[in-house]
PDB file of N, CA and C in Angstrom:
ATOM      1  N   UNK A   1     -21.867 -36.399 -12.375  1.00  0.00           N
ATOM      2  CA  UNK A   1     -21.928 -37.746 -11.861  1.00  0.00           C
ATOM      3  C   UNK A   1     -21.899 -38.724 -12.789  1.00  0.00           C
ATOM      4  N   UNK A   2     -21.051 -39.564 -12.315  1.00  0.00           N
ATOM      5  CA  UNK A   2     -20.736 -40.712 -13.477  1.00  0.00           C
ATOM      6  C   UNK A   2     -21.735 -41.770 -13.181  1.00  0.00           C
ATOM      7  N   UNK A   3     -21.543 -42.859 -13.437  1.00  0.00           N
ATOM      8  CA  UNK A   3     -22.471 -44.236 -13.324  1.00  0.00           C
ATOM      9  C   UNK A   3     -22.210 -44.804 -11.776  1.00  0.00           C
ATOM     10  N   UNK A   4     -23.128 -45.236 -11.186  1.00  0.00           N
ATOM     11  CA  UNK A   4     -22.677 -45.654  -9.712  1.00  0.00           C
ATOM     12  C   UNK A   4     -21.884 -46.780  -9.855  1.00  0.00           C
ATOM     13  N   UNK A   5     -20.928 -47.027  -8.842  1.00  0.00           N
ATOM     14  CA  UNK A   5     -20.316 -48.121  -8.907  1.00  0.00           C
ATOM     15  C   UNK A   5     -20.266 -49.078  -7.523  1.00  0.00           C
ATOM     16  N   UNK A   6     -20.316 -50.411  -7.314  1.00  0.00           N
ATOM     17  CA  UNK A   6     -20.606 -51.154  -6.440  1.00  0.00           C
ATOM     18  C   UNK A   6     -19.217 -51.752  -6.140  1.00  0.00           C
ATOM     19  N   UNK A   7     -18.823 -52.062  -4.836  1.00  0.00           N
ATOM     20  CA  UNK A   7     -17.764 -52.917  -4.611  1.00  0.00           C
ATOM     21  C   UNK A   7     -18.024 -53.547  -3.324  1.00  0.00           C
ATOM     22  N   UNK A   8     -17.606 -54.738  -3.303  1.00  0.00           N
ATOM     23  CA  UNK A   8     -17.936 -55.957  -2.194  1.00  0.00           C
ATOM     24  C   UNK A   8     -16.633 -56.325  -1.418  1.00  0.00           C
ATOM     25  N   UNK A   9     -16.344 -56.055  -0.288  1.00  0.00           N
ATOM     26  CA  UNK A   9     -15.019 -56.371   0.178  1.00  0.00           C
ATOM     27  C   UNK A   9     -15.331 -57.778   1.049  1.00  0.00           C
ATOM     28  N   UNK A  10     -15.162 -58.841   0.218  1.00  0.00           N
ATOM     29  CA  UNK A  10     -15.678 -60.426   0.982  1.00  0.00           C
ATOM     30  C   UNK A  10     -14.850 -60.332   2.451  1.00  0.00           C
ATOM     31  N   UNK A  11     -13.563 -60.203   2.434  1.00  0.00           N
ATOM     32  CA  UNK A  11     -12.854 -60.231   3.887  1.00  0.00           C
ATOM     33  C   UNK A  11     -13.522 -59.829   4.968  1.00  0.00           C
ATOM     34  N   UNK A  12     -13.959 -58.258   4.877  1.00  0.00           N
ATOM     35  CA  UNK A  12     -14.541 -57.565   5.728  1.00  0.00           C
ATOM     36  C   UNK A  12     -16.076 -57.648   5.867  1.00  0.00           C
ATOM     37  N   UNK A  13     -16.758 -58.120   4.574  1.00  0.00           N
ATOM     38  CA  UNK A  13     -18.172 -58.281   4.484  1.00  0.00           C
ATOM     39  C   UNK A  13     -18.830 -56.671   4.604  1.00  0.00           C
ATOM     40  N   UNK A  14     -18.259 -55.955   3.621  1.00  0.00           N
ATOM     41  CA  UNK A  14     -18.830 -54.607   3.430  1.00  0.00           C
ATOM     42  C   UNK A  14     -18.746 -54.352   1.896  1.00  0.00           C
ATOM     43  N   UNK A  15     -20.418 -53.658   1.811  1.00  0.00           N
ATOM     44  CA  UNK A  15     -20.640 -53.456   0.375  1.00  0.00           C
ATOM     45  C   UNK A  15     -20.670 -52.054   0.422  1.00  0.00           C
ATOM     46  N   UNK A  16     -19.773 -51.240  -0.468  1.00  0.00           N
ATOM     47  CA  UNK A  16     -19.681 -49.976  -0.761  1.00  0.00           C
ATOM     48  C   UNK A  16     -20.085 -49.514  -2.063  1.00  0.00           C
ATOM     49  N   UNK A  17     -21.265 -48.752  -2.009  1.00  0.00           N
ATOM     50  CA  UNK A  17     -21.976 -48.115  -3.283  1.00  0.00           C
ATOM     51  C   UNK A  17     -21.409 -46.825  -3.352  1.00  0.00           C
ATOM     52  N   UNK A  18     -20.857 -46.362  -4.543  1.00  0.00           N
ATOM     53  CA  UNK A  18     -20.259 -44.973  -4.851  1.00  0.00           C
ATOM     54  C   UNK A  18     -21.176 -44.530  -5.639  1.00  0.00           C
ATOM     55  N   UNK A  19     -22.042 -43.053  -5.730  1.00  0.00           N
ATOM     56  CA  UNK A  19     -22.966 -42.894  -6.734  1.00  0.00           C
ATOM     57  C   UNK A  19     -22.121 -41.495  -7.122  1.00  0.00           C
ATOM     58  N   UNK A  20     -21.089 -40.897  -6.674  1.00  0.00           N
ATOM     59  CA  UNK A  20     -20.679 -39.993  -7.125  1.00  0.00           C
ATOM     60  C   UNK A  20     -19.123 -39.882  -6.700  1.00  0.00           C
ATOM     61  N   UNK A  21     -17.942 -39.575  -7.568  1.00  0.00           N
ATOM     62  CA  UNK A  21     -16.775 -39.597  -7.301  1.00  0.00           C
ATOM     63  C   UNK A  21     -16.242 -38.272  -6.206  1.00  0.00           C
ATOM     64  N   UNK A  22     -17.222 -37.392  -5.952  1.00  0.00           N
ATOM     65  CA  UNK A  22     -16.928 -36.435  -5.164  1.00  0.00           C
ATOM     66  C   UNK A  22     -16.184 -36.729  -3.772  1.00  0.00           C
ATOM     67  N   UNK A  23     -15.406 -35.755  -3.330  1.00  0.00           N
ATOM     68  CA  UNK A  23     -14.792 -35.920  -2.112  1.00  0.00           C
ATOM     69  C   UNK A  23     -15.849 -36.174  -0.641  1.00  0.00           C
ATOM     70  N   UNK A  24     -15.660 -37.194  -0.051  1.00  0.00           N
ATOM     71  CA  UNK A  24     -16.563 -37.221   1.357  1.00  0.00           C
ATOM     72  C   UNK A  24     -16.003 -36.061   2.416  1.00  0.00           C
ATOM     73  N   UNK A  25     -17.234 -35.353   2.773  1.00  0.00           N
ATOM     74  CA  UNK A  25     -17.043 -34.350   3.591  1.00  0.00           C
ATOM     75  C   UNK A  25     -17.520 -34.532   4.911  1.00  0.00           C
ATOM     76  N   UNK A  26     -18.354 -35.565   5.056  1.00  0.00           N
ATOM     77  CA  UNK A  26     -19.231 -35.984   6.438  1.00  0.00           C
ATOM     78  C   UNK A  26     -19.710 -37.405   5.877  1.00  0.00           C
ATOM     79  N   UNK A  27     -20.802 -37.849   6.981  1.00  0.00           N
ATOM     80  CA  UNK A  27     -21.374 -38.866   7.022  1.00  0.00           C
ATOM     81  C   UNK A  27     -22.253 -38.827   7.723  1.00  0.00           C
ATOM     82  N   UNK A  28     -23.279 -39.859   7.607  1.00  0.00           N
ATOM     83  CA  UNK A  28     -24.706 -39.797   8.619  1.00  0.00           C
ATOM     84  C   UNK A  28     -25.012 -41.220   8.794  1.00  0.00           C
ATOM     85  N   UNK A  29     -25.036 -41.687  10.004  1.00  0.00           N
ATOM     86  CA  UNK A  29     -25.342 -43.307  10.209  1.00  0.00           C
ATOM     87  C   UNK A  29     -27.130 -43.422   9.935  1.00  0.00           C
ATOM     88  N   UNK A  30     -27.402 -44.074   8.828  1.00  0.00           N
ATOM     89  CA  UNK A  30     -28.879 -44.389   8.719  1.00  0.00           C
ATOM     90  C   UNK A  30     -29.391 -45.607  10.105  1.00  0.00           C
ATOM     91  N   UNK A  31     -28.738 -46.362  10.040  1.00  0.00           N
ATOM     92  CA  UNK A  31     -29.131 -47.293  10.840  1.00  0.00           C
ATOM     93  C   UNK A  31     -27.949 -48.041  11.136  1.00  0.00           C
ATOM     94  N   UNK A  32     -27.924 -48.959  12.120  1.00  0.00           N
ATOM     95  CA  UNK A  32     -27.042 -49.981  12.533  1.00  0.00           C
ATOM     96  C   UNK A  32     -26.159 -50.268  11.151  1.00  0.00           C
ATOM     97  N   UNK A  33     -24.796 -50.306  11.075  1.00  0.00           N
ATOM     98  CA  UNK A  33     -24.114 -50.848  10.238  1.00  0.00           C
ATOM     99  C   UNK A  33     -24.446 -50.240   8.657  1.00  0.00           C
ATOM    100  N   UNK A  34     -25.228 -49.151   8.629  1.00  0.00           N
ATOM    101  CA  UNK A  34     -25.546 -48.356   7.430  1.00  0.00           C
ATOM    102  C   UNK A  34     -25.201 -47.095   7.303  1.00  0.00           C
ATOM    103  N   UNK A  35     -24.097 -46.622   6.506  1.00  0.00           N
ATOM    104  CA  UNK A  35     -23.585 -45.182   6.733  1.00  0.00           C
ATOM    105  C   UNK A  35     -23.873 -44.541   5.190  1.00  0.00           C
ATOM    106  N   UNK A  36     -24.336 -43.152   5.453  1.00  0.00           N
ATOM    107  CA  UNK A  36     -24.626 -42.599   4.095  1.00  0.00           C
ATOM    108  C   UNK A  36     -23.265 -41.555   4.197  1.00  0.00           C
ATOM    109  N   UNK A  37     -22.711 -41.697   3.081  1.00  0.00           N
ATOM    110  CA  UNK A  37     -21.665 -40.708   2.878  1.00  0.00           C
ATOM    111  C   UNK A  37     -21.905 -39.339   1.978  1.00  0.00           C
ATOM    112  N   UNK A  38     -21.551 -38.136   2.637  1.00  0.00           N
ATOM    113  CA  UNK A  38     -22.139 -37.074   2.098  1.00  0.00           C
ATOM    114  C   UNK A  38     -21.101 -36.145   1.398  1.00  0.00           C
ATOM    115  N   UNK A  39     -21.308 -35.377   0.354  1.00  0.00           N
ATOM    116  CA  UNK A  39     -19.983 -34.254  -0.034  1.00  0.00           C
ATOM    117  C   UNK A  39     -20.263 -33.022   0.699  1.00  0.00           C
ATOM    118  N   UNK A  40     -19.592 -31.927   0.466  1.00  0.00           N
ATOM    119  CA  UNK A  40     -19.693 -30.578   0.975  1.00  0.00           C
ATOM    120  C   UNK A  40     -20.926 -30.271   1.211  1.00  0.00           C
ATOM    121  N   UNK A  41     -21.824 -30.305   0.291  1.00  0.00           N
ATOM    122  CA  UNK A  41     -23.138 -29.551   0.101  1.00  0.00           C
ATOM    123  C   UNK A  41     -24.079 -30.533   0.793  1.00  0.00           C
ATOM    124  N   UNK A  42     -23.517 -31.521   1.404  1.00  0.00           N
ATOM    125  CA  UNK A  42     -24.542 -32.674   2.235  1.00  0.00           C
ATOM    126  C   UNK A  42     -25.472 -33.243   1.136  1.00  0.00           C
ATOM    127  N   UNK A  43     -24.941 -33.621  -0.088  1.00  0.00           N
ATOM    128  CA  UNK A  43     -25.591 -34.453  -0.930  1.00  0.00           C
ATOM    129  C   UNK A  43     -24.892 -35.882  -0.715  1.00  0.00           C
ATOM    130  N   UNK A  44     -25.806 -36.870  -0.804  1.00  0.00           N
ATOM    131  CA  UNK A  44     -25.402 -38.176  -0.879  1.00  0.00           C
ATOM    132  C   UNK A  44     -24.579 -38.467  -2.148  1.00  0.00           C
ATOM    133  N   UNK A  45     -23.377 -39.277  -1.760  1.00  0.00           N
ATOM    134  CA  UNK A  45     -22.528 -39.718  -2.742  1.00  0.00           C
ATOM    135  C   UNK A  45     -21.922 -41.069  -2.721  1.00  0.00           C
ATOM    136  N   UNK A  46     -22.473 -41.508  -1.437  1.00  0.00           N
ATOM    137  CA  UNK A  46     -22.216 -43.015  -1.293  1.00  0.00           C
ATOM    138  C   UNK A  46     -22.628 -43.764  -0.159  1.00  0.00           C
ATOM    139  N   UNK A  47     -22.683 -45.040  -0.081  1.00  0.00           N
ATOM    140  CA  UNK A  47     -23.463 -45.991   1.059  1.00  0.00           C
ATOM    141  C   UNK A  47     -22.420 -46.859   1.222  1.00  0.00           C
ATOM    142  N   UNK A  48     -22.302 -47.102   2.676  1.00  0.00           N
ATOM    143  CA  UNK A  48     -21.209 -48.249   3.091  1.00  0.00           C
ATOM    144  C   UNK A  48     -22.305 -49.012   3.928  1.00  0.00           C
ATOM    145  N   UNK A  49     -22.256 -50.326   3.599  1.00  0.00           N
ATOM    146  CA  UNK A  49     -22.968 -51.328   4.553  1.00  0.00           C
ATOM    147  C   UNK A  49     -21.994 -52.449   5.115  1.00  0.00           C
ATOM    148  N   UNK A  50     -21.777 -52.499   6.627  1.00  0.00           N
ATOM    149  CA  UNK A  50     -21.241 -53.180   7.239  1.00  0.00           C
ATOM    150  C   UNK A  50     -22.180 -54.761   7.425  1.00  0.00           C
ATOM    151  N   UNK A  51     -21.286 -55.610   7.415  1.00  0.00           N
ATOM    152  CA  UNK A  51     -22.002 -56.790   7.764  1.00  0.00           C
ATOM    153  C   UNK A  51     -23.182 -57.053   6.618  1.00  0.00           C
ATOM    154  N   UNK A  52     -22.644 -56.745   5.423  1.00  0.00           N
ATOM    155  CA  UNK A  52     -23.537 -56.707   4.113  1.00  0.00           C
ATOM    156  C   UNK A  52     -24.396 -57.907   3.800  1.00  0.00           C
ATOM    157  N   UNK A  53     -23.507 -58.983   4.095  1.00  0.00           N
ATOM    158  CA  UNK A  53     -24.285 -60.375   3.416  1.00  0.00           C
ATOM    159  C   UNK A  53     -25.803 -60.598   4.321  1.00  0.00           C
ATOM    160  N   UNK A  54     -25.336 -60.631   5.886  1.00  0.00           N
ATOM    161  CA  UNK A  54     -26.725 -60.236   6.672  1.00  0.00           C
ATOM    162  C   UNK A  54     -27.596 -59.461   6.256  1.00  0.00           C
ATOM    163  N   UNK A  55     -27.066 -58.182   6.172  1.00  0.00           N
ATOM    164  CA  UNK A  55     -27.963 -57.144   6.065  1.00  0.00           C
ATOM    165  C   UNK A  55     -28.875 -57.332   4.594  1.00  0.00           C
ATOM    166  N   UNK A  56     -28.265 -57.685   3.444  1.00  0.00           N
ATOM    167  CA  UNK A  56     -28.796 -57.924   2.544  1.00  0.00           C
ATOM    168  C   UNK A  56     -30.052 -59.198   2.540  1.00  0.00           C
ATOM    169  N   UNK A  57     -29.534 -60.265   3.180  1.00  0.00           N
ATOM    170  CA  UNK A  57     -30.164 -61.351   3.358  1.00  0.00           C
ATOM    171  C   UNK A  57     -31.312 -61.271   4.152  1.00  0.00           C
ATOM    172  N   UNK A  58     -31.317 -60.232   5.184  1.00  0.00           N
ATOM    173  CA  UNK A  58     -32.578 -59.975   6.040  1.00  0.00           C
ATOM    174  C   UNK A  58     -33.510 -59.249   5.324  1.00  0.00           C
ATOM    175  N   UNK A  59     -32.951 -58.234   4.643  1.00  0.00           N
ATOM    176  CA  UNK A  59     -33.716 -57.215   3.502  1.00  0.00           C
ATOM    177  C   UNK A  59     -34.774 -57.834   2.845  1.00  0.00           C
ATOM    178  N   UNK A  60     -34.041 -58.825   2.109  1.00  0.00           N
ATOM    179  CA  UNK A  60     -34.819 -59.535   1.022  1.00  0.00           C
ATOM    180  C   UNK A  60     -35.895 -60.504   1.986  1.00  0.00           C
ATOM    181  N   UNK A  61     -35.441 -61.113   2.687  1.00  0.00           N
ATOM    182  CA  UNK A  61     -36.203 -62.075   3.541  1.00  0.00           C
ATOM    183  C   UNK A  61     -37.502 -61.167   4.189  1.00  0.00           C
ATOM    184  N   UNK A  62     -37.360 -59.880   4.662  1.00  0.00           N
ATOM    185  CA  UNK A  62     -38.363 -59.266   5.236  1.00  0.00           C
ATOM    186  C   UNK A  62     -39.441 -58.861   3.891  1.00  0.00           C
ATOM    187  N   UNK A  63     -38.589 -58.360   2.819  1.00  0.00           N
ATOM    188  CA  UNK A  63     -39.465 -57.808   1.855  1.00  0.00           C
ATOM    189  C   UNK A  63     -40.569 -58.830   1.364  1.00  0.00           C
ATOM    190  N   UNK A  64     -39.511 -60.106   1.296  1.00  0.00           N
ATOM    191  CA  UNK A  64     -40.553 -61.333   0.530  1.00  0.00           C
ATOM    192  C   UNK A  64     -41.706 -61.773   1.558  1.00  0.00           C
ATOM    193  N   UNK A  65     -41.285 -61.658   2.976  1.00  0.00           N
ATOM    194  CA  UNK A  65     -42.328 -62.391   3.815  1.00  0.00           C
ATOM    195  C   UNK A  65     -43.237 -61.010   4.001  1.00  0.00           C
ATOM    196  N   UNK A  66     -43.074 -59.792   3.864  1.00  0.00           N
ATOM    197  CA  UNK A  66     -44.086 -58.992   4.013  1.00  0.00           C
ATOM    198  C   UNK A  66     -45.307 -58.818   2.486  1.00  0.00           C
ATOM    199  N   UNK A  67     -44.486 -59.266   1.530  1.00  0.00           N
ATOM    200  CA  UNK A  67     -45.550 -59.463   0.236  1.00  0.00           C
ATOM    201  C   UNK A  67     -46.066 -60.889   0.341  1.00  0.00           C
ATOM    202  N   UNK A  68     -45.757 -61.707   0.725  1.00  0.00           N
ATOM    203  CA  UNK A  68     -46.398 -63.096   1.052  1.00  0.00           C
ATOM    204  C   UNK A  68     -47.463 -62.862   1.843  1.00  0.00           C
ATOM    205  N   UNK A  69     -47.179 -62.195   3.139  1.00  0.00           N
ATOM    206  CA  UNK A  69     -48.352 -61.756   4.034  1.00  0.00           C
ATOM    207  C   UNK A  69     -49.537 -61.098   3.136  1.00  0.00           C
ATOM    208  N   UNK A  70     -49.108 -60.229   2.528  1.00  0.00           N
ATOM    209  CA  UNK A  70     -49.985 -59.545   2.012  1.00  0.00           C
ATOM    210  C   UNK A  70     -50.892 -60.033   0.866  1.00  0.00           C
ATOM    211  N   UNK A  71     -50.181 -61.069   0.298  1.00  0.00           N
ATOM    212  CA  UNK A  71     -51.028 -62.024  -0.825  1.00  0.00           C
ATOM    213  C   UNK A  71     -51.823 -62.742  -0.288  1.00  0.00           C
ATOM    214  N   UNK A  72     -51.370 -63.286   0.886  1.00  0.00           N
ATOM    215  CA  UNK A  72     -52.099 -64.468   2.001  1.00  0.00           C
ATOM    216  C   UNK A  72     -53.224 -63.696   2.544  1.00  0.00           C
ATOM    217  N   UNK A  73     -52.980 -62.398   2.925  1.00  0.00           N
ATOM    218  CA  UNK A  73     -54.230 -61.866   3.696  1.00  0.00           C
ATOM    219  C   UNK A  73     -55.171 -61.358   2.367  1.00  0.00           C
ATOM    220  N   UNK A  74     -54.693 -61.180   1.362  1.00  0.00           N
ATOM    221  CA  UNK A  74     -55.935 -60.958   0.047  1.00  0.00           C
ATOM    222  C   UNK A  74     -56.881 -62.113  -0.006  1.00  0.00           C
ATOM    223  N   UNK A  75     -56.251 -63.379   0.158  1.00  0.00           N
ATOM    224  CA  UNK A  75     -56.710 -64.487  -0.405  1.00  0.00           C
ATOM    225  C   UNK A  75     -57.689 -65.111   0.890  1.00  0.00           C
ATOM    226  N   UNK A  76     -57.180 -64.599   1.856  1.00  0.00           N
ATOM    227  CA  UNK A  76     -57.993 -64.872   3.242  1.00  0.00           C
ATOM    228  C   UNK A  76     -58.994 -64.116   3.854  1.00  0.00           C
ATOM    229  N   UNK A  77     -59.157 -63.143   3.010  1.00  0.00           N
ATOM    230  CA  UNK A  77     -60.444 -62.155   3.532  1.00  0.00           C
ATOM    231  C   UNK A  77     -61.867 -62.795   3.073  1.00  0.00           C
ATOM    232  N   UNK A  78     -62.324 -62.563   3.980  1.00  0.00           N
ATOM    233  CA  UNK A  78     -63.824 -63.218   3.668  1.00  0.00           C
ATOM    234  C   UNK A  78     -64.917 -62.268   2.997  1.00  0.00           C
ATOM    235  N   UNK A  79     -65.546 -62.738   2.014  1.00  0.00           N
ATOM    236  CA  UNK A  79     -66.591 -62.131   1.280  1.00  0.00           C
ATOM    237  C   UNK A  79     -67.796 -62.429   1.775  1.00  0.00           C
ATOM    238  N   UNK A  80     -68.487 -61.305   2.119  1.00  0.00           N
ATOM    239  CA  UNK A  80     -69.879 -61.552   2.649  1.00  0.00           C
ATOM    240  C   UNK A  80     -71.037 -61.605   1.339  1.00  0.00           C
ATOM    241  N   UNK A  81     -71.917 -62.719   1.260  1.00  0.00           N
ATOM    242  CA  UNK A  81     -72.795 -62.691   0.404  1.00  0.00           C
ATOM    243  C   UNK A  81     -73.865 -61.272   0.506  1.00  0.00           C
ATOM    244  N   UNK A  82     -74.083 -60.957  -0.549  1.00  0.00           N
ATOM    245  CA  UNK A  82     -75.100 -59.631  -0.612  1.00  0.00           C
ATOM    246  C   UNK A  82     -76.520 -60.258  -0.763  1.00  0.00           C
ATOM    247  N   UNK A  83     -77.295 -59.556  -0.126  1.00  0.00           N
ATOM    248  CA  UNK A  83     -78.853 -60.028  -0.261  1.00  0.00           C
ATOM    249  C   UNK A  83     -79.547 -59.150  -1.292  1.00  0.00           C
TER     250      UNK A  83
END
């Protein structure tokens, strides 16, 4: 298995990650617009993301918001005084 390669097709807004140069024998839709490409043994060899710019933007925003809510929640916890 070689080094992973990533290609972005700007006109189609498709991001393709190649994990292995093996021949694709099948695929599985992981979620809308995200497909896992598999070799003959069912091992992951690539990932294709349609509408990639929106997918990546939304993923980053969701992760950042979750982190900010977690941080905010930690600072907003009320500490009860001990007697």
